[in-house]
């Protein structure tokens, strides 16, 4: 993925949308990633190239993957996953729902432990 092929405006718009979702001002996000508010503004409007260290810091500050910032992928597929799980759970009895909740809780604990 060469720099000349990057759409910095679209990436900046994704960053702006994610920042607004987190209810952060440009100044607040800039402080979190140790850049100036002016630089943050330039990143969001696509008038400057985004460096890799700043991209990584922004992703961490926004609680998303760098892939979500660069490609916009992540949130949409996660929403689809939630919808599929909800569809399964909606078809469960109360007893099945309690059992599945315990299974998911145990599976998540194991994933956290071994990752």
Protein backbone atom coordinates (compact mmCIF):
# COMPACT_ATOMS: atom_id res chain seq x y z
CA UNK A 1 0.00 0.00 0.00
CA UNK A 2 1.97 3.00 -1.26
CA UNK A 3 1.60 6.46 0.23
CA UNK A 4 0.42 7.88 -3.07
CA UNK A 5 -2.57 5.51 -3.01
CA UNK A 6 -3.70 6.48 0.48
CA UNK A 7 -6.85 8.57 0.68
CA UNK A 8 -5.87 10.82 3.57
CA UNK A 9 -9.14 12.77 3.43
CA UNK A 10 -11.24 9.62 3.93
CA UNK A 11 -8.93 8.40 6.69
CA UNK A 12 -9.20 11.81 8.35
CA UNK A 13 -12.99 11.66 8.14
CA UNK A 14 -12.96 8.22 9.81
CA UNK A 15 -10.78 9.61 12.60
CA UNK A 16 -13.15 12.58 13.01
CA UNK A 17 -16.20 10.28 13.19
CA UNK A 18 -14.51 7.99 15.73
CA UNK A 19 -13.43 11.01 17.80
CA UNK A 20 -16.97 12.35 17.83
CA UNK A 21 -18.32 8.92 18.84
CA UNK A 22 -16.01 9.12 21.86
CA UNK A 23 -17.24 12.67 22.52
CA UNK A 24 -13.70 14.06 22.35
CA UNK A 25 -12.71 17.47 21.03
CA UNK A 26 -9.83 17.76 18.56
CA UNK A 27 -7.82 19.29 21.39
CA UNK A 28 -8.55 16.40 23.77
CA UNK A 29 -7.59 13.76 21.21
CA UNK A 30 -4.49 15.70 20.17
CA UNK A 31 -3.37 15.82 23.82
CA UNK A 32 -3.83 12.05 24.15
CA UNK A 33 -1.50 11.39 21.20
CA UNK A 34 0.97 14.19 21.92
CA UNK A 35 0.37 16.26 18.79
CA UNK A 36 -0.83 19.84 18.32
CA UNK A 37 -4.49 20.64 17.80
CA UNK A 38 -3.51 22.16 14.43
CA UNK A 39 -1.86 18.90 13.38
CA UNK A 40 -4.98 17.00 14.53
CA UNK A 41 -7.12 19.31 12.40
CA UNK A 42 -4.86 18.78 9.38
CA UNK A 43 -5.07 15.00 9.82
CA UNK A 44 -8.86 15.10 9.97
CA UNK A 45 -9.21 17.25 6.87
CA UNK A 46 -6.61 15.22 4.95
CA UNK A 47 -4.22 18.11 4.35
CA UNK A 48 -1.29 16.27 5.93
CA UNK A 49 0.00 12.73 5.68
CA UNK A 50 -0.57 10.60 8.74
CA UNK A 51 2.61 9.06 10.15
CA UNK A 52 2.62 5.47 11.34
CA UNK A 53 3.43 6.32 15.00
CA UNK A 54 0.58 8.85 15.12
CA UNK A 55 -1.78 6.35 13.45
CA UNK A 56 -0.96 3.74 16.10
CA UNK A 57 -1.40 6.28 18.91
CA UNK A 58 -4.72 7.50 17.48
CA UNK A 59 -6.04 3.94 17.18
CA UNK A 60 -5.10 3.25 20.81
CA UNK A 61 -6.64 6.53 22.02
CA UNK A 62 -9.85 5.82 20.11
CA UNK A 63 -10.03 2.16 21.15
CA UNK A 64 -10.04 0.81 17.59
CA UNK A 65 -7.65 -1.10 15.33
CA UNK A 66 -5.42 0.70 12.85
CA UNK A 67 -7.23 -1.35 10.20
CA UNK A 68 -10.53 0.25 11.18
CA UNK A 69 -9.00 3.71 10.69
CA UNK A 70 -7.31 2.85 7.39
CA UNK A 71 -10.01 0.74 5.75
CA UNK A 72 -13.14 1.45 7.75
CA UNK A 73 -13.46 -2.29 8.31
CA UNK A 74 -14.05 -3.55 11.77
CA UNK A 75 -17.12 -1.82 13.01
CA UNK A 76 -19.37 -2.99 10.18
CA UNK A 77 -18.36 -6.64 10.49
CA UNK A 78 -18.68 -6.44 14.26
CA UNK A 79 -22.22 -5.14 13.87
CA UNK A 80 -23.01 -8.08 11.59
CA UNK A 81 -21.59 -10.48 14.17
CA UNK A 82 -23.74 -8.93 16.90
CA UNK A 83 -26.80 -9.22 14.67
CA UNK A 84 -26.12 -12.93 14.05
CA UNK A 85 -25.61 -13.65 17.75
CA UNK A 86 -28.76 -11.70 18.62
CA UNK A 87 -30.74 -13.74 16.08
CA UNK A 88 -29.52 -16.97 17.68
CA UNK A 89 -30.26 -15.74 21.21
CA UNK A 90 -33.72 -14.49 20.24
CA UNK A 91 -34.62 -18.07 19.31
CA UNK A 92 -33.59 -19.46 22.71
CA UNK A 93 -35.66 -20.45 25.70
CA UNK A 94 -34.84 -18.78 29.03
CA UNK A 95 -32.92 -21.89 30.15
CA UNK A 96 -30.93 -22.02 26.90
CA UNK A 97 -30.14 -18.32 27.23
CA UNK A 98 -28.77 -18.78 30.77
CA UNK A 99 -26.64 -21.74 29.65
CA UNK A 100 -25.29 -19.88 26.61
CA UNK A 101 -24.50 -16.85 28.76
CA UNK A 102 -22.37 -19.05 31.05
CA UNK A 103 -20.66 -20.67 28.05
CA UNK A 104 -19.83 -17.29 26.51
CA UNK A 105 -18.58 -15.97 29.87
CA UNK A 106 -16.30 -19.03 30.30
CA UNK A 107 -15.07 -18.91 26.72
CA UNK A 108 -14.24 -15.19 27.01
CA UNK A 109 -12.33 -15.78 30.28
CA UNK A 110 -10.32 -18.56 28.60
CA UNK A 111 -9.59 -16.35 25.57
CA UNK A 112 -8.41 -13.53 27.82
CA UNK A 113 -6.22 -15.93 29.80
CA UNK A 114 -4.49 -17.55 26.84
CA UNK A 115 -4.07 -14.66 24.41
